[in-house]
Amino acid sequence: MIVPSFAFVHPITIAQEDIDALDHVNNVVYVRWVQQVAGAHWRSVAPSHVVDACVWVVARHEIDYLKPILASHSVEGRTWVLPPEGPRSYRCVAICRSNTGEVMAFAKTTWYLLDSQTMRPKRIEPHIIE
């Protein structure tokens, strides 16, 4: 898998409680990480008035677990967004080893943009895409 060079990078901390009985990061933890990386990216690029006017909700997570992540690993999330369709956006997140860039897991998540006042779907306008 090739991660685009423009991907937003967010460090991930592996907590002891993330490790399961098989001595690697539990699969459920990846969902939390995907959401943390997505939120960090959104807050880093969106002006506060846009953040206040919009709410993102998840409709679907698809995660491919490629290699186990151990407590001793240093990892980061690398994310990018695919072209939207109306109120729907597709976000890719690669969970990578920090020192090598090796992709350990890959997620594609479907998000919907809602108006924060009405909580109804809202078309993703060009200024948001930018």
Protein backbone atom coordinates (compact mmCIF):
# COMPACT_ATOMS: atom_id res chain seq x y z
CA MET A 1 0.00 0.00 0.00
CA ILE A 2 1.28 3.44 -0.91
CA VAL A 3 0.39 6.30 1.41
CA PRO A 4 0.29 9.66 -0.40
CA SER A 5 3.03 12.11 0.54
CA PHE A 6 0.40 14.77 1.35
CA ALA A 7 -1.23 12.62 4.05
CA PHE A 8 -1.75 14.25 7.44
CA VAL A 9 0.37 12.52 10.09
CA HIS A 10 -0.75 12.13 13.71
CA PRO A 11 1.23 10.32 16.43
CA ILE A 12 -0.52 7.48 18.25
CA THR A 13 0.20 6.42 21.81
CA ILE A 14 -0.17 2.73 22.62
CA ALA A 15 -1.52 2.33 26.15
CA GLN A 16 -1.04 -0.84 28.18
CA GLU A 17 -4.81 -1.37 28.21
CA ASP A 18 -4.74 -1.46 24.37
CA ILE A 19 -2.83 -4.77 24.51
CA ASP A 20 -4.94 -7.94 24.54
CA ALA A 21 -4.40 -11.56 25.60
CA LEU A 22 -2.50 -12.25 22.37
CA ASP A 23 0.05 -9.57 23.40
CA HIS A 24 -0.79 -7.17 20.57
CA VAL A 25 -3.12 -4.20 20.11
CA ASN A 26 -6.74 -5.32 20.28
CA ASN A 27 -8.71 -4.85 17.05
CA VAL A 28 -11.29 -2.60 18.74
CA VAL A 29 -8.57 -0.06 19.54
CA TYR A 30 -7.97 0.62 15.85
CA VAL A 31 -11.46 2.13 15.52
CA ARG A 32 -10.64 4.60 18.30
CA TRP A 33 -7.35 5.46 16.62
CA VAL A 34 -9.03 6.02 13.24
CA GLN A 35 -11.46 8.46 14.86
CA GLN A 36 -8.67 10.24 16.76
CA VAL A 37 -6.60 10.68 13.60
CA ALA A 38 -9.63 11.93 11.63
CA GLY A 39 -10.55 14.42 14.36
CA ALA A 40 -7.00 15.71 14.66
CA HIS A 41 -6.84 16.25 10.89
CA TRP A 42 -10.20 18.06 10.78
CA ARG A 43 -9.30 20.36 13.68
CA SER A 44 -5.90 21.13 12.14
CA VAL A 45 -7.29 22.33 8.81
CA ALA A 46 -10.83 23.60 9.37
CA PRO A 47 -11.43 27.16 10.61
CA SER A 48 -13.26 27.34 13.94
CA HIS A 49 -16.45 28.76 12.37
CA VAL A 50 -16.64 25.72 10.05
CA VAL A 51 -15.93 23.30 12.92
CA ASP A 52 -18.75 24.95 14.90
CA ALA A 53 -21.21 24.74 11.97
CA CYS A 54 -20.57 21.10 11.10
CA VAL A 55 -20.66 17.67 12.69
CA TRP A 56 -19.14 14.55 11.18
CA VAL A 57 -20.73 11.17 11.87
CA VAL A 58 -19.46 7.73 10.91
CA ALA A 59 -21.59 5.47 8.76
CA ARG A 60 -19.07 2.70 8.11
CA HIS A 61 -15.60 1.52 9.09
CA GLU A 62 -13.69 -0.99 6.96
CA ILE A 63 -10.38 -2.05 8.50
CA ASP A 64 -7.77 -4.41 7.10
CA TYR A 65 -5.44 -5.67 9.84
CA LEU A 66 -2.22 -6.34 7.96
CA LYS A 67 0.31 -6.98 10.73
CA PRO A 68 0.03 -7.06 14.52
CA ILE A 69 1.04 -3.98 16.47
CA LEU A 70 2.94 -4.68 19.68
CA ALA A 71 3.33 -2.55 22.79
CA SER A 72 6.97 -1.92 21.85
CA HIS A 73 6.06 -0.41 18.47
CA SER A 74 5.91 3.30 17.75
CA VAL A 75 3.01 4.07 15.41
CA GLU A 76 1.30 6.98 13.72
CA GLY A 77 -1.85 7.52 11.73
CA ARG A 78 -1.60 8.90 8.21
CA THR A 79 -4.86 10.14 6.74
CA TRP A 80 -6.24 11.62 3.55
CA VAL A 81 -9.71 12.25 2.16
CA LEU A 82 -11.12 11.04 -1.15
CA PRO A 83 -13.45 13.22 -3.28
CA PRO A 84 -16.84 13.66 -1.56
CA GLU A 85 -20.29 12.73 -2.86
CA GLY A 86 -22.93 15.18 -1.61
CA PRO A 87 -22.83 14.96 2.20
CA ARG A 88 -20.73 11.77 2.12
CA SER A 89 -16.96 11.68 2.51
CA TYR A 90 -14.51 8.81 2.39
CA ARG A 91 -11.44 8.98 4.61
CA CYS A 92 -8.45 6.68 4.42
CA VAL A 93 -6.28 6.06 7.47
CA ALA A 94 -3.09 4.03 7.40
CA ILE A 95 -1.70 3.01 10.79
CA CYS A 96 2.05 2.90 10.18
CA ARG A 97 5.24 2.11 12.04
CA SER A 98 6.73 5.53 12.80
CA ASN A 99 10.33 4.59 12.02
CA THR A 100 9.77 2.66 8.78
CA GLY A 101 6.42 3.82 7.39
CA GLU A 102 5.32 0.18 7.12
CA VAL A 103 1.52 0.02 6.95
CA MET A 104 0.24 -2.20 9.75
CA ALA A 105 -3.48 -1.55 9.20
CA PHE A 106 -5.58 0.31 6.68
CA ALA A 107 -9.05 1.77 7.21
CA LYS A 108 -11.53 3.32 4.83
CA THR A 109 -14.29 5.12 6.68
CA THR A 110 -17.50 6.63 5.35
CA TRP A 111 -18.47 9.88 7.08
CA TYR A 112 -21.51 12.13 6.68
CA LEU A 113 -21.44 15.86 7.20
CA LEU A 114 -24.32 17.23 9.26
CA ASP A 115 -25.41 20.78 9.95
CA SER A 116 -24.71 21.28 13.68
CA GLN A 117 -27.99 23.17 14.20
CA THR A 118 -30.43 20.89 12.37
CA MET A 119 -28.40 17.65 12.57
CA ARG A 120 -29.43 16.99 8.97
CA PRO A 121 -27.06 15.94 6.16
CA LYS A 122 -25.32 18.85 4.49
CA ARG A 123 -23.60 18.93 1.10
CA ILE A 124 -19.83 19.22 1.40
CA GLU A 125 -19.19 22.59 -0.19
CA PRO A 126 -15.97 23.57 -2.02
CA HIS A 127 -14.70 25.74 0.87
CA ILE A 128 -14.86 22.68 3.14
CA ILE A 129 -13.12 20.49 0.57
CA GLU A 130 -10.32 23.06 0.35
